C-alpha atoms as a PDB file:
ATOM      1  CA  MET A   1     -42.684  41.857  55.456  1.00  0.00           C
ATOM      2  CA  ILE A   2     -40.887  38.583  55.521  1.00  0.00           C
ATOM      3  CA  THR A   3     -38.000  38.182  52.845  1.00  0.00           C
ATOM      4  CA  PHE A   4     -36.700  34.368  52.007  1.00  0.00           C
ATOM      5  CA  GLU A   5     -33.290  34.003  51.130  1.00  0.00           C
ATOM      6  CA  MET A   6     -32.080  30.842  48.778  1.00  0.00           C
ATOM      7  CA  ILE A   7     -29.830  28.891  50.605  1.00  0.00           C
ATOM      8  CA  THR A   8     -27.700  26.448  49.014  1.00  0.00           C
ATOM      9  CA  PRO A   9     -26.528  23.301  51.141  1.00  0.00           C
ATOM     10  CA  ILE A  10     -22.924  23.468  51.264  1.00  0.00           C
ATOM     11  CA  GLY A  11     -22.361  19.999  50.239  1.00  0.00           C
ATOM     12  CA  VAL A  12     -24.480  20.756  46.900  1.00  0.00           C
ATOM     13  CA  ARG A  13     -22.360  23.945  46.184  1.00  0.00           C
ATOM     14  CA  SER A  14     -19.207  22.105  46.814  1.00  0.00           C
ATOM     15  CA  ALA A  15     -20.256  19.408  44.376  1.00  0.00           C
ATOM     16  CA  THR A  16     -21.214  22.028  41.763  1.00  0.00           C
ATOM     17  CA  ALA A  17     -18.008  23.780  42.277  1.00  0.00           C
ATOM     18  CA  SER A  18     -16.121  20.678  41.662  1.00  0.00           C
ATOM     19  CA  ARG A  19     -17.840  19.912  38.422  1.00  0.00           C
ATOM     20  CA  SER A  20     -17.479  23.417  37.132  1.00  0.00           C
ATOM     21  CA  LEU A  21     -13.649  24.347  38.213  1.00  0.00           C
ATOM     22  CA  PRO A  22     -10.959  21.744  36.951  1.00  0.00           C
ATOM     23  CA  ASN A  23      -9.391  19.917  39.748  1.00  0.00           C
ATOM     24  CA  SER A  24      -5.884  21.286  39.437  1.00  0.00           C
ATOM     25  CA  ARG A  25      -4.548  18.496  41.913  1.00  0.00           C
ATOM     26  CA  TYR A  26      -6.326  15.657  40.234  1.00  0.00           C
ATOM     27  CA  VAL A  27      -4.625  16.604  36.758  1.00  0.00           C
ATOM     28  CA  SER A  28      -1.185  17.122  38.528  1.00  0.00           C
ATOM     29  CA  ASP A  29      -1.402  13.926  40.028  1.00  0.00           C
ATOM     30  CA  ARG A  30      -2.392  12.027  37.223  1.00  0.00           C
ATOM     31  CA  SER A  31       0.081  13.697  34.868  1.00  0.00           C
ATOM     32  CA  SER A  32       2.638  12.495  37.389  1.00  0.00           C
ATOM     33  CA  LYS A  33       1.362   8.908  37.082  1.00  0.00           C
ATOM     34  CA  LEU A  34       1.758   8.853  33.398  1.00  0.00           C
ATOM     35  CA  PRO A  35       4.025   5.609  32.175  1.00  0.00           C
ATOM     36  CA  PHE A  36       7.679   6.379  32.461  1.00  0.00           C
ATOM     37  CA  GLN A  37       9.165   6.846  29.013  1.00  0.00           C
ATOM     38  CA  ARG A  38      11.582   4.167  27.964  1.00  0.00           C
ATOM     39  CA  LYS A  39      15.254   5.032  27.758  1.00  0.00           C
ATOM     40  CA  SER A  40      16.712   5.182  24.220  1.00  0.00           C
ATOM     41  CA  ALA A  41      18.185   1.914  23.575  1.00  0.00           C
ATOM     42  CA  LYS A  42      22.191   2.093  23.198  1.00  0.00           C
ATOM     43  CA  PRO A  43      23.369   1.947  19.660  1.00  0.00           C
ATOM     44  CA  ARG A  44      24.354  -1.626  18.730  1.00  0.00           C
ATOM     45  CA  ALA A  45      27.976  -2.430  18.502  1.00  0.00           C
ATOM     46  CA  PHE A  46      28.929  -3.445  15.029  1.00  0.00           C
ATOM     47  CA  LEU A  47      30.263  -6.917  14.731  1.00  0.00           C
ATOM     48  CA  ASN A  48      33.823  -8.191  13.477  1.00  0.00           C
ATOM     49  CA  GLU A  49      34.241 -11.183  11.176  1.00  0.00           C
ATOM     50  CA  ALA A  50      34.065 -13.517  14.177  1.00  0.00           C
ATOM     51  CA  GLY A  51      30.960 -11.998  15.469  1.00  0.00           C
ATOM     52  CA  LEU A  52      29.220 -11.969  12.118  1.00  0.00           C
ATOM     53  CA  TYR A  53      30.040 -15.326  11.161  1.00  0.00           C
ATOM     54  CA  GLU A  54      28.482 -16.441  14.297  1.00  0.00           C
ATOM     55  CA  TYR A  55      25.579 -14.294  13.894  1.00  0.00           C
ATOM     56  CA  ALA A  56      25.156 -15.718  10.303  1.00  0.00           C
ATOM     57  CA  ILE A  57      25.392 -19.442  11.530  1.00  0.00           C
ATOM     58  CA  LYS A  58      22.607 -18.809  13.899  1.00  0.00           C
ATOM     59  CA  ALA A  59      20.627 -17.170  11.192  1.00  0.00           C
ATOM     60  CA  LEU A  60      21.261 -19.993   8.633  1.00  0.00           C
ATOM     61  CA  GLY A  61      20.076 -22.465  11.733  1.00  0.00           C
ATOM     62  CA  ARG A  62      16.669 -20.700  11.903  1.00  0.00           C
ATOM     63  CA  GLN A  63      16.096 -20.707   8.336  1.00  0.00           C
ATOM     64  CA  MET A  64      17.510 -21.495   4.891  1.00  0.00           C
ATOM     65  CA  ARG A  65      18.432 -18.335   3.184  1.00  0.00           C
ATOM     66  CA  THR A  66      20.219 -17.243  -0.125  1.00  0.00           C
ATOM     67  CA  GLN A  67      23.389 -15.464  -0.210  1.00  0.00           C
ATOM     68  CA  THR A  68      21.326 -12.356  -1.183  1.00  0.00           C
ATOM     69  CA  GLU A  69      19.093 -12.552   1.632  1.00  0.00           C
ATOM     70  CA  LEU A  70      21.779 -13.522   4.323  1.00  0.00           C
ATOM     71  CA  ARG A  71      23.722 -10.224   2.928  1.00  0.00           C
ATOM     72  CA  ARG A  72      20.615  -8.228   3.641  1.00  0.00           C
ATOM     73  CA  LEU A  73      20.611  -9.577   7.273  1.00  0.00           C
ATOM     74  CA  MET A  74      24.239  -8.821   7.505  1.00  0.00           C
ATOM     75  CA  GLN A  75      24.360  -5.210   6.292  1.00  0.00           C
ATOM     76  CA  PRO A  76      22.942  -3.546   9.208  1.00  0.00           C
ATOM     77  CA  ARG A  77      25.347  -5.451  11.824  1.00  0.00           C
ATOM     78  CA  VAL A  78      28.617  -3.990  10.051  1.00  0.00           C
ATOM     79  CA  GLU A  79      30.077  -0.754  10.035  1.00  0.00           C
ATOM     80  CA  PRO A  80      28.916   1.313   7.110  1.00  0.00           C
ATOM     81  CA  GLY A  81      31.387   1.455   4.064  1.00  0.00           C
ATOM     82  CA  GLU A  82      34.363  -0.240   2.675  1.00  0.00           C
ATOM     83  CA  LEU A  83      35.435  -1.904   5.788  1.00  0.00           C
ATOM     84  CA  GLY A  84      32.012  -3.524   6.432  1.00  0.00           C
ATOM     85  CA  GLU A  85      31.614  -4.667   2.922  1.00  0.00           C
ATOM     86  CA  SER A  86      34.849  -6.343   3.316  1.00  0.00           C
ATOM     87  CA  THR A  87      33.732  -7.967   6.236  1.00  0.00           C
ATOM     88  CA  ILE A  88      30.636  -9.251   4.859  1.00  0.00           C
ATOM     89  CA  HIS A  89      32.643 -10.577   1.645  1.00  0.00           C
ATOM     90  CA  ALA A  90      34.876 -12.388   3.837  1.00  0.00           C
ATOM     91  CA  VAL A  91      32.045 -14.228   6.118  1.00  0.00           C
ATOM     92  CA  LEU A  92      30.036 -15.058   2.975  1.00  0.00           C
ATOM     93  CA  ALA A  93      33.299 -16.830   1.634  1.00  0.00           C
ATOM     94  CA  ARG A  94      33.867 -18.637   4.498  1.00  0.00           C
ATOM     95  CA  LEU A  95      30.194 -19.956   4.926  1.00  0.00           C
ATOM     96  CA  LYS A  96      30.447 -21.126   1.270  1.00  0.00           C
ATOM     97  CA  GLU A  97      33.746 -22.960   1.760  1.00  0.00           C
ATOM     98  CA  ASN A  98      32.190 -24.732   4.513  1.00  0.00           C
ATOM     99  CA  ASP A  99      29.100 -25.384   2.838  1.00  0.00           C
ATOM    100  CA  TYR A 100      26.645 -23.571   4.998  1.00  0.00           C
ATOM    101  CA  LEU A 101      25.902 -21.458   2.294  1.00  0.00           C
ATOM    102  CA  ASN A 102      24.825 -22.891  -1.391  1.00  0.00           C
ATOM    103  CA  ASP A 103      22.401 -21.278  -3.735  1.00  0.00           C
ATOM    104  CA  ALA A 104      22.363 -24.052  -5.809  1.00  0.00           C
ATOM    105  CA  SER A 105      21.180 -26.295  -3.046  1.00  0.00           C
ATOM    106  CA  PHE A 106      18.581 -23.944  -1.822  1.00  0.00           C
ATOM    107  CA  ALA A 107      17.050 -23.263  -5.242  1.00  0.00           C
ATOM    108  CA  GLU A 108      16.987 -27.199  -5.444  1.00  0.00           C
ATOM    109  CA  THR A 109      15.345 -27.735  -2.157  1.00  0.00           C
ATOM    110  CA  TYR A 110      12.993 -24.746  -2.326  1.00  0.00           C
ATOM    111  CA  THR A 111      11.288 -25.749  -5.321  1.00  0.00           C
ATOM    112  CA  ARG A 112      10.967 -29.302  -4.331  1.00  0.00           C
ATOM    113  CA  LEU A 113       9.173 -28.291  -1.258  1.00  0.00           C
ATOM    114  CA  ARG A 114       7.094 -25.780  -2.874  1.00  0.00           C
ATOM    115  CA  LYS A 115       6.208 -28.405  -5.463  1.00  0.00           C
ATOM    116  CA  GLU A 116       5.283 -31.118  -3.293  1.00  0.00           C
ATOM    117  CA  ASN A 117       3.832 -29.151  -0.233  1.00  0.00           C
ATOM    118  CA  GLU A 118       2.169 -26.330  -1.825  1.00  0.00           C
ATOM    119  CA  LYS A 119       1.265 -27.653  -5.164  1.00  0.00           C
ATOM    120  CA  PHE A 120       2.742 -24.485  -6.741  1.00  0.00           C
ATOM    121  CA  GLY A 121       3.148 -24.023 -10.492  1.00  0.00           C
ATOM    122  CA  GLN A 122       6.621 -23.437 -12.214  1.00  0.00           C
ATOM    123  CA  ARG A 123       5.878 -19.670 -12.636  1.00  0.00           C
ATOM    124  CA  ARG A 124       5.239 -19.130  -9.096  1.00  0.00           C
ATOM    125  CA  VAL A 125       8.301 -20.816  -7.819  1.00  0.00           C
ATOM    126  CA  GLN A 126      10.628 -19.338 -10.392  1.00  0.00           C
ATOM    127  CA  GLN A 127       9.402 -15.963  -9.385  1.00  0.00           C
ATOM    128  CA  ASP A 128       9.966 -16.573  -5.782  1.00  0.00           C
ATOM    129  CA  LEU A 129      13.520 -17.655  -6.122  1.00  0.00           C
ATOM    130  CA  ARG A 130      14.452 -14.696  -8.469  1.00  0.00           C
ATOM    131  CA  GLN A 131      13.230 -12.196  -5.919  1.00  0.00           C
ATOM    132  CA  LYS A 132      15.276 -14.118  -3.257  1.00  0.00           C
ATOM    133  CA  GLY A 133      18.330 -13.160  -5.312  1.00  0.00           C
ATOM    134  CA  VAL A 134      19.290 -16.657  -7.063  1.00  0.00           C
ATOM    135  CA  SER A 135      20.848 -16.301 -10.116  1.00  0.00           C
ATOM    136  CA  ALA A 136      18.942 -16.867 -13.687  1.00  0.00           C
ATOM    137  CA  ASP A 137      21.177 -19.905 -14.300  1.00  0.00           C
ATOM    138  CA  LEU A 138      20.468 -21.670 -10.854  1.00  0.00           C
ATOM    139  CA  VAL A 139      16.719 -20.918 -11.048  1.00  0.00           C
ATOM    140  CA  ALA A 140      16.562 -22.654 -14.638  1.00  0.00           C
ATOM    141  CA  LYS A 141      18.354 -25.590 -13.491  1.00  0.00           C
ATOM    142  CA  ALA A 142      16.112 -26.034 -10.528  1.00  0.00           C
ATOM    143  CA  MET A 143      13.074 -25.461 -12.655  1.00  0.00           C
ATOM    144  CA  ASP A 144      14.276 -28.274 -15.060  1.00  0.00           C
ATOM    145  CA  THR A 145      14.961 -30.662 -12.356  1.00  0.00           C
ATOM    146  CA  ALA A 146      11.619 -30.350 -10.507  1.00  0.00           C
ATOM    147  CA  TYR A 147       9.147 -29.581 -13.379  1.00  0.00           C
ATOM    148  CA  SER A 148      10.487 -31.137 -16.583  1.00  0.00           C
ATOM    149  CA  GLU A 149       8.336 -34.419 -16.147  1.00  0.00           C
ATOM    150  CA  THR A 150       5.644 -33.138 -14.506  1.00  0.00           C
ATOM    151  CA  ASN A 151       1.714 -32.586 -15.957  1.00  0.00           C
ATOM    152  CA  GLU A 152       0.708 -28.872 -14.989  1.00  0.00           C
ATOM    153  CA  GLU A 153      -2.983 -29.633 -15.349  1.00  0.00           C
ATOM    154  CA  THR A 154      -2.491 -32.554 -12.768  1.00  0.00           C
ATOM    155  CA  LEU A 155      -0.489 -30.284 -10.470  1.00  0.00           C
ATOM    156  CA  ALA A 156      -2.976 -27.574 -10.874  1.00  0.00           C
ATOM    157  CA  ARG A 157      -5.865 -29.745  -9.801  1.00  0.00           C
ATOM    158  CA  GLN A 158      -3.922 -30.899  -6.752  1.00  0.00           C
ATOM    159  CA  HIS A 159      -3.471 -27.372  -5.933  1.00  0.00           C
ATOM    160  CA  LEU A 160      -7.315 -26.721  -6.190  1.00  0.00           C
ATOM    161  CA  GLU A 161      -7.776 -29.908  -3.940  1.00  0.00           C
ATOM    162  CA  ARG A 162      -5.379 -28.669  -1.510  1.00  0.00           C
ATOM    163  CA  LYS A 163      -7.114 -25.639  -1.119  1.00  0.00           C
ATOM    164  CA  ARG A 164     -10.516 -27.148  -1.070  1.00  0.00           C
ATOM    165  CA  ILE A 165     -11.649 -25.110  -4.162  1.00  0.00           C
ATOM    166  CA  ARG A 166     -14.576 -26.685  -5.890  1.00  0.00           C
ATOM    167  CA  LYS A 167     -16.398 -26.279  -9.308  1.00  0.00           C
ATOM    168  CA  PRO A 168     -17.578 -22.908  -9.662  1.00  0.00           C
ATOM    169  CA  ILE A 169     -21.379 -22.054  -9.717  1.00  0.00           C
ATOM    170  CA  ASN A 170     -21.369 -18.481 -10.824  1.00  0.00           C
ATOM    171  CA  ASP A 171     -19.078 -15.826 -12.484  1.00  0.00           C
ATOM    172  CA  LYS A 172     -17.815 -14.496  -8.963  1.00  0.00           C
ATOM    173  CA  GLU A 173     -16.760 -18.057  -7.829  1.00  0.00           C
ATOM    174  CA  THR A 174     -14.877 -18.493 -11.462  1.00  0.00           C
ATOM    175  CA  ALA A 175     -12.961 -15.442 -11.229  1.00  0.00           C
ATOM    176  CA  ARG A 176     -11.816 -16.624  -7.756  1.00  0.00           C
ATOM    177  CA  VAL A 177     -10.605 -19.864  -9.364  1.00  0.00           C
ATOM    178  CA  VAL A 178      -8.725 -18.139 -11.973  1.00  0.00           C
ATOM    179  CA  ARG A 179      -6.995 -15.827  -9.371  1.00  0.00           C
ATOM    180  CA  ARG A 180      -5.999 -18.683  -7.439  1.00  0.00           C
ATOM    181  CA  LEU A 181      -4.565 -20.692 -10.313  1.00  0.00           C
ATOM    182  CA  VAL A 182      -2.855 -17.442 -11.522  1.00  0.00           C
ATOM    183  CA  ALA A 183      -1.408 -16.892  -8.043  1.00  0.00           C
ATOM    184  CA  ALA A 184      -0.158 -20.199  -7.775  1.00  0.00           C
ATOM    185  CA  GLY A 185       1.824 -20.116 -11.036  1.00  0.00           C
ATOM    186  CA  PHE A 186      -0.275 -21.771 -13.459  1.00  0.00           C
ATOM    187  CA  SER A 187      -0.475 -21.077 -17.438  1.00  0.00           C
ATOM    188  CA  THR A 188      -3.591 -19.542 -19.028  1.00  0.00           C
ATOM    189  CA  GLY A 189      -3.954 -22.497 -21.227  1.00  0.00           C
ATOM    190  CA  VAL A 190      -4.095 -24.991 -18.239  1.00  0.00           C
ATOM    191  CA  ILE A 191      -6.502 -22.680 -16.316  1.00  0.00           C
ATOM    192  CA  TYR A 192      -8.922 -22.277 -19.127  1.00  0.00           C
ATOM    193  CA  LYS A 193      -8.914 -25.966 -19.986  1.00  0.00           C
ATOM    194  CA  ILE A 194      -9.945 -26.653 -16.289  1.00  0.00           C
ATOM    195  CA  LEU A 195     -12.535 -24.304 -16.537  1.00  0.00           C
ATOM    196  CA  ARG A 196     -13.918 -25.737 -19.591  1.00  0.00           C
ATOM    197  CA  GLN A 197     -13.833 -29.257 -18.344  1.00  0.00           C
ATOM    198  CA  TRP A 198     -16.071 -27.579 -15.362  1.00  0.00           C
ATOM    199  CA  ASP A 199     -18.596 -26.410 -18.193  1.00  0.00           C
ATOM    200  CA  VAL A 200     -17.720 -22.666 -17.595  1.00  0.00           C
ATOM    201  CA  SER A 201     -19.248 -20.836 -20.775  1.00  0.00           C
ATOM    202  CA  SER A 202     -17.238 -19.180 -23.306  1.00  0.00           C
ATOM    203  CA  GLU A 203     -18.522 -15.950 -22.558  1.00  0.00           C
ATOM    204  CA  SER A 204     -17.627 -16.123 -18.872  1.00  0.00           C
ATOM    205  CA  LEU A 205     -14.065 -16.994 -19.681  1.00  0.00           C
ATOM    206  CA  ALA A 206     -13.856 -14.364 -22.240  1.00  0.00           C
ATOM    207  CA  ALA A 207     -14.678 -11.866 -19.370  1.00  0.00           C
ATOM    208  CA  LEU A 208     -12.023 -13.022 -17.267  1.00  0.00           C
ATOM    209  CA  ASP A 209      -9.150 -12.722 -19.849  1.00  0.00           C
ATOM    210  CA  ASN A 210      -7.626  -9.605 -17.780  1.00  0.00           C
ATOM    211  CA  LEU A 211      -7.242 -11.759 -14.696  1.00  0.00           C
ATOM    212  CA  ALA A 212      -4.915 -14.051 -16.303  1.00  0.00           C
ATOM    213  CA  ASP A 213      -2.446 -11.044 -16.930  1.00  0.00           C
ATOM    214  CA  GLU A 214      -2.666 -10.281 -13.098  1.00  0.00           C
ATOM    215  CA  PRO A 215       0.817 -10.495 -11.354  1.00  0.00           C
ATOM    216  CA  HIS A 216       1.574 -13.746  -9.450  1.00  0.00           C
ATOM    217  CA  GLY A 217       1.873 -13.770  -5.878  1.00  0.00           C
ATOM    218  CA  GLU A 218      -0.607 -14.182  -2.915  1.00  0.00           C
END
C-alpha cells in the first residue's frame, strides 16, 4: 500500500510563517528609526530694562499697539513679581516719553482706518478699542472725531458694497444681511431701514428681531 505525504515547499512554508509570526528584527529596526525627540528648549532668560525696551521697540515697529496690548506682550519676558512689574512700568514710561506709545494717537488712527478701509460702524470700532484696553474717554473722543458728521446709513451701504452683498431674495439671505451689518457695528434702525427699502416684508423683519441683539464681531 502506497501512502502519500503532503509536502509543503520550503518557500511556501517560510512565507506562511512570516505572515503568522511577528518579525522581531523588523520591529526592532523600525523602532530604532523613529524620529528623534527634540531636546527641550532652554528656559528663556528674563530681560532687563534695556533688553525689554529694545524688544518693545521692535514689537511696535511690526504693528501699532496700545499700552495694554504691549504690556501683555512684555509680561512673559520679565521676572515674575514686583521686580518684573517695575521693569515694565519703567519701559512703558520711557516709550511714552519718547512718543513711541500713545493710546490717544492709536485710537484716532485705528478708528479712521477701520472706518475708511473696512467701512465699519461706530459700535464695532468702539467695541474693538475697548477690547484693546483703550480708556473710555479716549474711545469717546476718537468716536466723536471720526463719526460725528458721518451718515450711518450711507456707511452701511458702503460696507455692503465692499462685501459685495446684494438685495436679498429670501429669508435666509435677509438674515445674512442682518448678521453682517450687526457684526459691522450698525444700529438696528439703520439695518431695518435698508431692508425696508429693499422691499423686505414686515413679517420677515419681525422674525429677525433676535438677530439684531447678537453680540458684535466677526
